[in-house]
Amino acid sequence: MPTVSLTVNNEVKQFEVHENELIWDELDRLGTKLPAGCLAGSCGTCRIQILKGPENLSEPRAVEKETIHHLEDQYKKKYGDDFMQGKTIRLSCRARIAGDVSITPFKEKI
């Protein structure tokens, strides 16, 4: 079973999860709540930063891609063009697990 490592306030928790399931759903099933809004991929409330293992997630589909693109544009406008360098944003309500991944909620506000 794949592992999702969740870092919040420098504390790391690890969760054994089912492959091909959504990050948000699996952590919720295991008693951990991530931020959420619409759970459809269009609001961006559930955005997470992938710290390790982005290749172990499903490819973003159209709605998630559009939401991520919008979020990245907003961050660049607020924090500058270099802000997103080295950062990978995904939506926990849309990203399916294919292997081990390390994540953290995206803290910076738009």
PDB file of N, CA and C in Angstrom:
ATOM      1  N   MET A   1       0.852  -1.189   0.000  1.00  0.00           N
ATOM      2  CA  MET A   1       0.000   0.000   0.000  1.00  0.00           C
ATOM      3  C   MET A   1       0.892   1.245   0.000  1.00  0.00           C
ATOM      4  N   PRO A   2       0.507   2.252  -0.778  1.00  0.00           N
ATOM      5  CA  PRO A   2       1.275   3.498  -0.788  1.00  0.00           C
ATOM      6  C   PRO A   2       1.129   4.246   0.543  1.00  0.00           C
ATOM      7  N   THR A   3       2.069   5.154   0.777  1.00  0.00           N
ATOM      8  CA  THR A   3       2.061   5.980   1.974  1.00  0.00           C
ATOM      9  C   THR A   3       1.947   7.447   1.587  1.00  0.00           C
ATOM     10  N   VAL A   4       1.064   8.162   2.279  1.00  0.00           N
ATOM     11  CA  VAL A   4       0.994   9.617   2.170  1.00  0.00           C
ATOM     12  C   VAL A   4       1.588  10.175   3.453  1.00  0.00           C
ATOM     13  N   SER A   5       2.650  10.976   3.310  1.00  0.00           N
ATOM     14  CA  SER A   5       3.248  11.666   4.446  1.00  0.00           C
ATOM     15  C   SER A   5       2.721  13.093   4.438  1.00  0.00           C
ATOM     16  N   LEU A   6       2.076  13.488   5.519  1.00  0.00           N
ATOM     17  CA  LEU A   6       1.468  14.806   5.638  1.00  0.00           C
ATOM     18  C   LEU A   6       2.245  15.623   6.655  1.00  0.00           C
ATOM     19  N   THR A   7       2.776  16.766   6.216  1.00  0.00           N
ATOM     20  CA  THR A   7       3.499  17.664   7.111  1.00  0.00           C
ATOM     21  C   THR A   7       2.630  18.876   7.413  1.00  0.00           C
ATOM     22  N   VAL A   8       2.369  19.099   8.706  1.00  0.00           N
ATOM     23  CA  VAL A   8       1.617  20.265   9.168  1.00  0.00           C
ATOM     24  C   VAL A   8       2.351  20.817  10.388  1.00  0.00           C
ATOM     25  N   ASN A   9       2.740  22.098  10.324  1.00  0.00           N
ATOM     26  CA  ASN A   9       3.460  22.747  11.425  1.00  0.00           C
ATOM     27  C   ASN A   9       4.683  21.932  11.868  1.00  0.00           C
ATOM     28  N   ASN A  10       5.476  21.485  10.903  1.00  0.00           N
ATOM     29  CA  ASN A  10       6.710  20.711  11.136  1.00  0.00           C
ATOM     30  C   ASN A  10       6.471  19.339  11.759  1.00  0.00           C
ATOM     31  N   GLU A  11       5.227  18.907  11.859  1.00  0.00           N
ATOM     32  CA  GLU A  11       4.909  17.570  12.342  1.00  0.00           C
ATOM     33  C   GLU A  11       4.529  16.710  11.149  1.00  0.00           C
ATOM     34  N   VAL A  12       5.127  15.520  11.057  1.00  0.00           N
ATOM     35  CA  VAL A  12       4.865  14.622   9.934  1.00  0.00           C
ATOM     36  C   VAL A  12       4.048  13.431  10.423  1.00  0.00           C
ATOM     37  N   LYS A  13       2.954  13.173   9.724  1.00  0.00           N
ATOM     38  CA  LYS A  13       2.142  11.990   9.980  1.00  0.00           C
ATOM     39  C   LYS A  13       2.135  11.156   8.702  1.00  0.00           C
ATOM     40  N   GLN A  14       2.213   9.848   8.870  1.00  0.00           N
ATOM     41  CA  GLN A  14       2.195   8.962   7.712  1.00  0.00           C
ATOM     42  C   GLN A  14       0.939   8.108   7.724  1.00  0.00           C
ATOM     43  N   PHE A  15       0.388   7.927   6.539  1.00  0.00           N
ATOM     44  CA  PHE A  15      -0.857   7.184   6.375  1.00  0.00           C
ATOM     45  C   PHE A  15      -0.696   6.142   5.280  1.00  0.00           C
ATOM     46  N   GLU A  16      -1.025   4.904   5.577  1.00  0.00           N
ATOM     47  CA  GLU A  16      -1.100   3.883   4.537  1.00  0.00           C
ATOM     48  C   GLU A  16      -2.447   4.042   3.858  1.00  0.00           C
ATOM     49  N   VAL A  17      -2.416   4.174   2.540  1.00  0.00           N
ATOM     50  CA  VAL A  17      -3.632   4.484   1.788  1.00  0.00           C
ATOM     51  C   VAL A  17      -3.829   3.479   0.660  1.00  0.00           C
ATOM     52  N   HIS A  18      -5.016   3.464   0.125  1.00  0.00           N
ATOM     53  CA  HIS A  18      -5.322   2.604  -1.012  1.00  0.00           C
ATOM     54  C   HIS A  18      -4.878   3.276  -2.305  1.00  0.00           C
ATOM     55  N   GLU A  19      -4.296   2.497  -3.175  1.00  0.00           N
ATOM     56  CA  GLU A  19      -3.875   2.995  -4.470  1.00  0.00           C
ATOM     57  C   GLU A  19      -5.088   3.379  -5.316  1.00  0.00           C
ATOM     58  N   ASN A  20      -4.903   4.396  -6.141  1.00  0.00           N
ATOM     59  CA  ASN A  20      -5.905   4.896  -7.086  1.00  0.00           C
ATOM     60  C   ASN A  20      -7.090   5.586  -6.414  1.00  0.00           C
ATOM     61  N   GLU A  21      -6.935   5.952  -5.153  1.00  0.00           N
ATOM     62  CA  GLU A  21      -7.968   6.716  -4.451  1.00  0.00           C
ATOM     63  C   GLU A  21      -7.528   8.170  -4.345  1.00  0.00           C
ATOM     64  N   LEU A  22      -8.467   9.052  -4.080  1.00  0.00           N
ATOM     65  CA  LEU A  22      -8.160  10.477  -3.922  1.00  0.00           C
ATOM     66  C   LEU A  22      -7.486  10.739  -2.579  1.00  0.00           C
ATOM     67  N   ILE A  23      -6.507  11.627  -2.580  1.00  0.00           N
ATOM     68  CA  ILE A  23      -5.804  11.964  -1.338  1.00  0.00           C
ATOM     69  C   ILE A  23      -6.801  12.420  -0.271  1.00  0.00           C
ATOM     70  N   TRP A  24      -7.685  13.344  -0.630  1.00  0.00           N
ATOM     71  CA  TRP A  24      -8.624  13.893   0.347  1.00  0.00           C
ATOM     72  C   TRP A  24      -9.480  12.792   0.953  1.00  0.00           C
ATOM     73  N   ASP A  25     -10.012  11.918   0.105  1.00  0.00           N
ATOM     74  CA  ASP A  25     -10.886  10.844   0.579  1.00  0.00           C
ATOM     75  C   ASP A  25     -10.155   9.892   1.518  1.00  0.00           C
ATOM     76  N   GLU A  26      -8.930   9.524   1.156  1.00  0.00           N
ATOM     77  CA  GLU A  26      -8.190   8.567   1.969  1.00  0.00           C
ATOM     78  C   GLU A  26      -7.826   9.142   3.336  1.00  0.00           C
ATOM     79  N   LEU A  27      -7.365  10.386   3.379  1.00  0.00           N
ATOM     80  CA  LEU A  27      -7.030  10.969   4.675  1.00  0.00           C
ATOM     81  C   LEU A  27      -8.281  11.170   5.523  1.00  0.00           C
ATOM     82  N   ASP A  28      -9.377  11.550   4.891  1.00  0.00           N
ATOM     83  CA  ASP A  28     -10.654  11.678   5.599  1.00  0.00           C
ATOM     84  C   ASP A  28     -11.081  10.327   6.179  1.00  0.00           C
ATOM     85  N   ARG A  29     -10.950   9.282   5.392  1.00  0.00           N
ATOM     86  CA  ARG A  29     -11.306   7.930   5.845  1.00  0.00           C
ATOM     87  C   ARG A  29     -10.488   7.535   7.068  1.00  0.00           C
ATOM     88  N   LEU A  30      -9.245   8.040   7.125  1.00  0.00           N
ATOM     89  CA  LEU A  30      -8.350   7.701   8.229  1.00  0.00           C
ATOM     90  C   LEU A  30      -8.408   8.708   9.377  1.00  0.00           C
ATOM     91  N   GLY A  31      -9.386   9.633   9.335  1.00  0.00           N
ATOM     92  CA  GLY A  31      -9.630  10.538  10.443  1.00  0.00           C
ATOM     93  C   GLY A  31      -8.878  11.857  10.399  1.00  0.00           C
ATOM     94  N   THR A  32      -8.278  12.194   9.270  1.00  0.00           N
ATOM     95  CA  THR A  32      -7.556  13.458   9.144  1.00  0.00           C
ATOM     96  C   THR A  32      -8.262  14.341   8.123  1.00  0.00           C
ATOM     97  N   LYS A  33      -8.599  15.534   8.550  1.00  0.00           N
ATOM     98  CA  LYS A  33      -9.313  16.472   7.686  1.00  0.00           C
ATOM     99  C   LYS A  33      -8.344  17.445   7.035  1.00  0.00           C
ATOM    100  N   LEU A  34      -8.371  17.510   5.727  1.00  0.00           N
ATOM    101  CA  LEU A  34      -7.666  18.538   4.977  1.00  0.00           C
ATOM    102  C   LEU A  34      -8.667  19.634   4.651  1.00  0.00           C
ATOM    103  N   PRO A  35      -8.180  20.844   4.394  1.00  0.00           N
ATOM    104  CA  PRO A  35      -9.109  21.907   3.975  1.00  0.00           C
ATOM    105  C   PRO A  35      -9.906  21.450   2.750  1.00  0.00           C
ATOM    106  N   ALA A  36     -11.148  21.863   2.675  1.00  0.00           N
ATOM    107  CA  ALA A  36     -12.000  21.484   1.549  1.00  0.00           C
ATOM    108  C   ALA A  36     -13.065  22.532   1.314  1.00  0.00           C
ATOM    109  N   GLY A  37     -13.524  22.579   0.107  1.00  0.00           N
ATOM    110  CA  GLY A  37     -14.625  23.456  -0.264  1.00  0.00           C
ATOM    111  C   GLY A  37     -15.613  22.646  -1.071  1.00  0.00           C
ATOM    112  N   CYS A  38     -15.492  22.745  -2.373  1.00  0.00           N
ATOM    113  CA  CYS A  38     -16.461  22.112  -3.269  1.00  0.00           C
ATOM    114  C   CYS A  38     -16.239  20.616  -3.465  1.00  0.00           C
ATOM    115  N   LEU A  39     -15.026  20.125  -3.243  1.00  0.00           N
ATOM    116  CA  LEU A  39     -14.632  18.732  -3.477  1.00  0.00           C
ATOM    117  C   LEU A  39     -14.871  18.297  -4.923  1.00  0.00           C
ATOM    118  N   ALA A  40     -14.890  19.262  -5.839  1.00  0.00           N
ATOM    119  CA  ALA A  40     -15.064  18.973  -7.261  1.00  0.00           C
ATOM    120  C   ALA A  40     -13.883  19.469  -8.091  1.00  0.00           C
ATOM    121  N   GLY A  41     -12.940  20.144  -7.447  1.00  0.00           N
ATOM    122  CA  GLY A  41     -11.748  20.598  -8.151  1.00  0.00           C
ATOM    123  C   GLY A  41     -11.815  21.993  -8.723  1.00  0.00           C
ATOM    124  N   SER A  42     -12.868  22.723  -8.438  1.00  0.00           N
ATOM    125  CA  SER A  42     -12.981  24.048  -9.056  1.00  0.00           C
ATOM    126  C   SER A  42     -12.739  25.222  -8.110  1.00  0.00           C
ATOM    127  N   CYS A  43     -12.797  25.000  -6.788  1.00  0.00           N
ATOM    128  CA  CYS A  43     -12.626  26.140  -5.870  1.00  0.00           C
ATOM    129  C   CYS A  43     -11.177  26.332  -5.424  1.00  0.00           C
ATOM    130  N   GLY A  44     -10.387  25.269  -5.365  1.00  0.00           N
ATOM    131  CA  GLY A  44      -8.995  25.369  -4.970  1.00  0.00           C
ATOM    132  C   GLY A  44      -8.746  25.381  -3.477  1.00  0.00           C
ATOM    133  N   THR A  45      -9.780  25.248  -2.660  1.00  0.00           N
ATOM    134  CA  THR A  45      -9.618  25.273  -1.208  1.00  0.00           C
ATOM    135  C   THR A  45      -8.751  24.118  -0.719  1.00  0.00           C
ATOM    136  N   CYS A  46      -8.794  23.006  -1.388  1.00  0.00           N
ATOM    137  CA  CYS A  46      -8.066  21.807  -0.951  1.00  0.00           C
ATOM    138  C   CYS A  46      -6.648  21.742  -1.511  1.00  0.00           C
ATOM    139  N   ARG A  47      -6.120  22.867  -1.982  1.00  0.00           N
ATOM    140  CA  ARG A  47      -4.790  22.854  -2.600  1.00  0.00           C
ATOM    141  C   ARG A  47      -3.726  22.404  -1.611  1.00  0.00           C
ATOM    142  N   ILE A  48      -2.824  21.582  -2.130  1.00  0.00           N
ATOM    143  CA  ILE A  48      -1.707  21.073  -1.354  1.00  0.00           C
ATOM    144  C   ILE A  48      -0.435  21.283  -2.152  1.00  0.00           C
ATOM    145  N   GLN A  49       0.682  21.312  -1.452  1.00  0.00           N
ATOM    146  CA  GLN A  49       1.975  21.348  -2.115  1.00  0.00           C
ATOM    147  C   GLN A  49       2.553  19.945  -2.046  1.00  0.00           C
ATOM    148  N   ILE A  50       3.038  19.465  -3.170  1.00  0.00           N
ATOM    149  CA  ILE A  50       3.667  18.154  -3.225  1.00  0.00           C
ATOM    150  C   ILE A  50       5.144  18.346  -2.895  1.00  0.00           C
ATOM    151  N   LEU A  51       5.576  17.767  -1.786  1.00  0.00           N
ATOM    152  CA  LEU A  51       6.959  17.902  -1.352  1.00  0.00           C
ATOM    153  C   LEU A  51       7.848  16.841  -1.989  1.00  0.00           C
ATOM    154  N   LYS A  52       7.320  15.632  -2.123  1.00  0.00           N
ATOM    155  CA  LYS A  52       8.034  14.523  -2.764  1.00  0.00           C
ATOM    156  C   LYS A  52       7.023  13.620  -3.446  1.00  0.00           C
ATOM    157  N   GLY A  53       7.426  13.082  -4.596  1.00  0.00           N
ATOM    158  CA  GLY A  53       6.611  12.073  -5.264  1.00  0.00           C
ATOM    159  C   GLY A  53       5.525  12.566  -6.195  1.00  0.00           C
ATOM    160  N   PRO A  54       5.694  13.734  -6.853  1.00  0.00           N
ATOM    161  CA  PRO A  54       4.619  14.174  -7.747  1.00  0.00           C
ATOM    162  C   PRO A  54       4.331  13.176  -8.871  1.00  0.00           C
ATOM    163  N   GLU A  55       5.344  12.383  -9.220  1.00  0.00           N
ATOM    164  CA  GLU A  55       5.160  11.372 -10.268  1.00  0.00           C
ATOM    165  C   GLU A  55       4.289  10.213  -9.787  1.00  0.00           C
ATOM    166  N   ASN A  56       4.028  10.142  -8.487  1.00  0.00           N
ATOM    167  CA  ASN A  56       3.204   9.082  -7.920  1.00  0.00           C
ATOM    168  C   ASN A  56       1.744   9.485  -7.748  1.00  0.00           C
ATOM    169  N   LEU A  57       1.352  10.522  -8.486  1.00  0.00           N
ATOM    170  CA  LEU A  57      -0.045  10.956  -8.502  1.00  0.00           C
ATOM    171  C   LEU A  57      -0.568  10.892  -9.931  1.00  0.00           C
ATOM    172  N   SER A  58      -1.869  10.751 -10.043  1.00  0.00           N
ATOM    173  CA  SER A  58      -2.498  10.768 -11.360  1.00  0.00           C
ATOM    174  C   SER A  58      -2.225  12.104 -12.045  1.00  0.00           C
ATOM    175  N   GLU A  59      -2.271  12.097 -13.357  1.00  0.00           N
ATOM    176  CA  GLU A  59      -2.143  13.345 -14.112  1.00  0.00           C
ATOM    177  C   GLU A  59      -3.376  14.207 -13.846  1.00  0.00           C
ATOM    178  N   PRO A  60      -3.191  15.519 -13.684  1.00  0.00           N
ATOM    179  CA  PRO A  60      -4.364  16.378 -13.478  1.00  0.00           C
ATOM    180  C   PRO A  60      -5.268  16.366 -14.711  1.00  0.00           C
ATOM    181  N   ARG A  61      -6.550  16.321 -14.472  1.00  0.00           N
ATOM    182  CA  ARG A  61      -7.532  16.408 -15.572  1.00  0.00           C
ATOM    183  C   ARG A  61      -7.917  17.862 -15.774  1.00  0.00           C
ATOM    184  N   ALA A  62      -8.790  18.110 -16.717  1.00  0.00           N
ATOM    185  CA  ALA A  62      -9.101  19.468 -17.188  1.00  0.00           C
ATOM    186  C   ALA A  62      -9.488  20.439 -16.066  1.00  0.00           C
ATOM    187  N   VAL A  63     -10.428  20.074 -15.217  1.00  0.00           N
ATOM    188  CA  VAL A  63     -10.897  20.994 -14.175  1.00  0.00           C
ATOM    189  C   VAL A  63      -9.767  21.303 -13.202  1.00  0.00           C
ATOM    190  N   GLU A  64      -9.037  20.283 -12.775  1.00  0.00           N
ATOM    191  CA  GLU A  64      -7.925  20.505 -11.847  1.00  0.00           C
ATOM    192  C   GLU A  64      -6.834  21.358 -12.502  1.00  0.00           C
ATOM    193  N   LYS A  65      -6.510  21.065 -13.764  1.00  0.00           N
ATOM    194  CA  LYS A  65      -5.501  21.860 -14.477  1.00  0.00           C
ATOM    195  C   LYS A  65      -5.879  23.335 -14.508  1.00  0.00           C
ATOM    196  N   GLU A  66      -7.126  23.612 -14.842  1.00  0.00           N
ATOM    197  CA  GLU A  66      -7.599  24.992 -14.931  1.00  0.00           C
ATOM    198  C   GLU A  66      -7.534  25.683 -13.566  1.00  0.00           C
ATOM    199  N   THR A  67      -7.944  24.989 -12.522  1.00  0.00           N
ATOM    200  CA  THR A  67      -7.911  25.568 -11.172  1.00  0.00           C
ATOM    201  C   THR A  67      -6.473  25.825 -10.734  1.00  0.00           C
ATOM    202  N   ILE A  68      -5.583  24.872 -10.977  1.00  0.00           N
ATOM    203  CA  ILE A  68      -4.173  25.049 -10.620  1.00  0.00           C
ATOM    204  C   ILE A  68      -3.574  26.221 -11.385  1.00  0.00           C
ATOM    205  N   HIS A  69      -3.870  26.317 -12.673  1.00  0.00           N
ATOM    206  CA  HIS A  69      -3.359  27.425 -13.486  1.00  0.00           C
ATOM    207  C   HIS A  69      -3.820  28.768 -12.911  1.00  0.00           C
ATOM    208  N   HIS A  70      -5.088  28.854 -12.541  1.00  0.00           N
ATOM    209  CA  HIS A  70      -5.633  30.074 -11.949  1.00  0.00           C
ATOM    210  C   HIS A  70      -4.937  30.395 -10.615  1.00  0.00           C
ATOM    211  N   LEU A  71      -4.762  29.387  -9.768  1.00  0.00           N
ATOM    212  CA  LEU A  71      -4.087  29.594  -8.478  1.00  0.00           C
ATOM    213  C   LEU A  71      -2.657  30.079  -8.677  1.00  0.00           C
ATOM    214  N   GLU A  72      -1.931  29.438  -9.583  1.00  0.00           N
ATOM    215  CA  GLU A  72      -0.542  29.842  -9.842  1.00  0.00           C
ATOM    216  C   GLU A  72      -0.471  31.281 -10.333  1.00  0.00           C
ATOM    217  N   ASP A  73      -1.394  31.668 -11.220  1.00  0.00           N
ATOM    218  CA  ASP A  73      -1.432  33.059 -11.699  1.00  0.00           C
ATOM    219  C   ASP A  73      -1.680  34.033 -10.542  1.00  0.00           C
ATOM    220  N   GLN A  74      -2.616  33.679  -9.660  1.00  0.00           N
ATOM    221  CA  GLN A  74      -2.924  34.551  -8.523  1.00  0.00           C
ATOM    222  C   GLN A  74      -1.729  34.671  -7.570  1.00  0.00           C
ATOM    223  N   TYR A  75      -1.045  33.570  -7.311  1.00  0.00           N
ATOM    224  CA  TYR A  75       0.140  33.610  -6.447  1.00  0.00           C
ATOM    225  C   TYR A  75       1.239  34.468  -7.062  1.00  0.00           C
ATOM    226  N   LYS A  76       1.442  34.326  -8.358  1.00  0.00           N
ATOM    227  CA  LYS A  76       2.475  35.123  -9.041  1.00  0.00           C
ATOM    228  C   LYS A  76       2.144  36.611  -8.974  1.00  0.00           C
ATOM    229  N   LYS A  77       0.872  36.952  -9.142  1.00  0.00           N
ATOM    230  CA  LYS A  77       0.464  38.360  -9.051  1.00  0.00           C
ATOM    231  C   LYS A  77       0.717  38.917  -7.655  1.00  0.00           C
ATOM    232  N   LYS A  78       0.438  38.121  -6.635  1.00  0.00           N
ATOM    233  CA  LYS A  78       0.564  38.599  -5.261  1.00  0.00           C
ATOM    234  C   LYS A  78       2.003  38.552  -4.739  1.00  0.00           C
ATOM    235  N   TYR A  79       2.732  37.477  -5.065  1.00  0.00           N
ATOM    236  CA  TYR A  79       4.051  37.257  -4.467  1.00  0.00           C
ATOM    237  C   TYR A  79       5.219  37.402  -5.442  1.00  0.00           C
ATOM    238  N   GLY A  80       4.943  37.605  -6.732  1.00  0.00           N
ATOM    239  CA  GLY A  80       6.008  37.748  -7.718  1.00  0.00           C
ATOM    240  C   GLY A  80       6.181  36.503  -8.571  1.00  0.00           C
ATOM    241  N   ASP A  81       6.810  36.702  -9.725  1.00  0.00           N
ATOM    242  CA  ASP A  81       6.957  35.621 -10.709  1.00  0.00           C
ATOM    243  C   ASP A  81       7.740  34.418 -10.195  1.00  0.00           C
ATOM    244  N   ASP A  82       8.666  34.625  -9.285  1.00  0.00           N
ATOM    245  CA  ASP A  82       9.507  33.528  -8.802  1.00  0.00           C
ATOM    246  C   ASP A  82       8.860  32.703  -7.696  1.00  0.00           C
ATOM    247  N   PHE A  83       7.730  33.138  -7.188  1.00  0.00           N
ATOM    248  CA  PHE A  83       7.127  32.485  -6.032  1.00  0.00           C
ATOM    249  C   PHE A  83       6.853  30.994  -6.265  1.00  0.00           C
ATOM    250  N   MET A  84       6.404  30.633  -7.433  1.00  0.00           N
ATOM    251  CA  MET A  84       6.026  29.242  -7.708  1.00  0.00           C
ATOM    252  C   MET A  84       7.210  28.362  -8.118  1.00  0.00           C
ATOM    253  N   GLN A  85       8.392  28.939  -8.251  1.00  0.00           N
ATOM    254  CA  GLN A  85       9.570  28.147  -8.633  1.00  0.00           C
ATOM    255  C   GLN A  85       9.772  27.007  -7.643  1.00  0.00           C
ATOM    256  N   GLY A  86       9.864  25.791  -8.159  1.00  0.00           N
ATOM    257  CA  GLY A  86      10.122  24.629  -7.312  1.00  0.00           C
ATOM    258  C   GLY A  86       8.930  24.131  -6.518  1.00  0.00           C
ATOM    259  N   LYS A  87       7.763  24.722  -6.734  1.00  0.00           N
ATOM    260  CA  LYS A  87       6.566  24.293  -6.006  1.00  0.00           C
ATOM    261  C   LYS A  87       5.614  23.579  -6.962  1.00  0.00           C
ATOM    262  N   THR A  88       5.039  22.500  -6.490  1.00  0.00           N
ATOM    263  CA  THR A  88       4.034  21.770  -7.258  1.00  0.00           C
ATOM    264  C   THR A  88       2.737  21.792  -6.469  1.00  0.00           C
ATOM    265  N   ILE A  89       1.723  22.401  -7.046  1.00  0.00           N
ATOM    266  CA  ILE A  89       0.398  22.444  -6.428  1.00  0.00           C
ATOM    267  C   ILE A  89      -0.470  21.351  -7.044  1.00  0.00           C
ATOM    268  N   ARG A  90      -1.228  20.682  -6.206  1.00  0.00           N
ATOM    269  CA  ARG A  90      -2.276  19.768  -6.657  1.00  0.00           C
ATOM    270  C   ARG A  90      -3.491  19.997  -5.774  1.00  0.00           C
ATOM    271  N   LEU A  91      -4.595  19.451  -6.184  1.00  0.00           N
ATOM    272  CA  LEU A  91      -5.828  19.524  -5.403  1.00  0.00           C
ATOM    273  C   LEU A  91      -6.056  18.163  -4.764  1.00  0.00           C
ATOM    274  N   SER A  92      -6.141  18.127  -3.445  1.00  0.00           N
ATOM    275  CA  SER A  92      -6.267  16.840  -2.754  1.00  0.00           C
ATOM    276  C   SER A  92      -7.575  16.132  -3.095  1.00  0.00           C
ATOM    277  N   CYS A  93      -8.564  16.886  -3.532  1.00  0.00           N
ATOM    278  CA  CYS A  93      -9.855  16.274  -3.883  1.00  0.00           C
ATOM    279  C   CYS A  93      -9.857  15.674  -5.284  1.00  0.00           C
ATOM    280  N   ARG A  94      -8.788  15.873  -6.047  1.00  0.00           N
ATOM    281  CA  ARG A  94      -8.724  15.376  -7.419  1.00  0.00           C
ATOM    282  C   ARG A  94      -7.521  14.481  -7.683  1.00  0.00           C
ATOM    283  N   ALA A  95      -6.467  14.587  -6.889  1.00  0.00           N
ATOM    284  CA  ALA A  95      -5.235  13.838  -7.133  1.00  0.00           C
ATOM    285  C   ALA A  95      -5.366  12.407  -6.611  1.00  0.00           C
ATOM    286  N   ARG A  96      -5.202  11.449  -7.507  1.00  0.00           N
ATOM    287  CA  ARG A  96      -5.272  10.031  -7.147  1.00  0.00           C
ATOM    288  C   ARG A  96      -3.873   9.496  -6.867  1.00  0.00           C
ATOM    289  N   ILE A  97      -3.790   8.634  -5.881  1.00  0.00           N
ATOM    290  CA  ILE A  97      -2.526   8.111  -5.384  1.00  0.00           C
ATOM    291  C   ILE A  97      -2.108   6.886  -6.195  1.00  0.00           C
ATOM    292  N   ALA A  98      -0.849   6.922  -6.694  1.00  0.00           N
ATOM    293  CA  ALA A  98      -0.300   5.786  -7.417  1.00  0.00           C
ATOM    294  C   ALA A  98       0.948   5.239  -6.728  1.00  0.00           C
ATOM    295  N   GLY A  99       1.437   5.942  -5.709  1.00  0.00           N
ATOM    296  CA  GLY A  99       2.631   5.528  -4.980  1.00  0.00           C
ATOM    297  C   GLY A  99       2.867   6.494  -3.831  1.00  0.00           C
ATOM    298  N   ASP A 100       4.020   6.363  -3.183  1.00  0.00           N
ATOM    299  CA  ASP A 100       4.333   7.192  -2.024  1.00  0.00           C
ATOM    300  C   ASP A 100       4.439   8.670  -2.399  1.00  0.00           C
ATOM    301  N   VAL A 101       3.895   9.514  -1.540  1.00  0.00           N
ATOM    302  CA  VAL A 101       3.896  10.957  -1.778  1.00  0.00           C
ATOM    303  C   VAL A 101       3.982  11.689  -0.440  1.00  0.00           C
ATOM    304  N   SER A 102       4.653  12.841  -0.455  1.00  0.00           N
ATOM    305  CA  SER A 102       4.718  13.716   0.725  1.00  0.00           C
ATOM    306  C   SER A 102       4.045  15.028   0.375  1.00  0.00           C
ATOM    307  N   ILE A 103       3.167  15.499   1.266  1.00  0.00           N
ATOM    308  CA  ILE A 103       2.371  16.693   0.986  1.00  0.00           C
ATOM    309  C   ILE A 103       2.323  17.617   2.195  1.00  0.00           C
ATOM    310  N   THR A 104       1.904  18.839   1.941  1.00  0.00           N
ATOM    311  CA  THR A 104       1.589  19.785   3.005  1.00  0.00           C
ATOM    312  C   THR A 104       0.483  20.700   2.476  1.00  0.00           C
ATOM    313  N   PRO A 105      -0.448  21.124   3.322  1.00  0.00           N
ATOM    314  CA  PRO A 105      -1.435  22.105   2.858  1.00  0.00           C
ATOM    315  C   PRO A 105      -0.707  23.368   2.379  1.00  0.00           C
ATOM    316  N   PHE A 106      -1.210  23.974   1.327  1.00  0.00           N
ATOM    317  CA  PHE A 106      -0.608  25.197   0.788  1.00  0.00           C
ATOM    318  C   PHE A 106      -1.051  26.351   1.670  1.00  0.00           C
ATOM    319  N   LYS A 107      -0.129  26.936   2.403  1.00  0.00           N
ATOM    320  CA  LYS A 107      -0.465  27.903   3.458  1.00  0.00           C
ATOM    321  C   LYS A 107      -0.690  29.320   2.968  1.00  0.00           C
ATOM    322  N   GLU A 108       0.070  29.731   1.957  1.00  0.00           N
ATOM    323  CA  GLU A 108      -0.008  31.130   1.527  1.00  0.00           C
ATOM    324  C   GLU A 108      -1.402  31.434   0.978  1.00  0.00           C
ATOM    325  N   LYS A 109      -1.929  32.546   1.425  1.00  0.00           N
ATOM    326  CA  LYS A 109      -3.251  32.986   0.986  1.00  0.00           C
ATOM    327  C   LYS A 109      -3.129  33.833  -0.275  1.00  0.00           C
ATOM    328  N   ILE A 110      -4.172  33.800  -1.054  1.00  0.00           N
ATOM    329  CA  ILE A 110      -4.203  34.641  -2.255  1.00  0.00           C
ATOM    330  C   ILE A 110      -4.934  35.906  -1.924  1.00  0.00           C
TER     331      ILE A 110
END
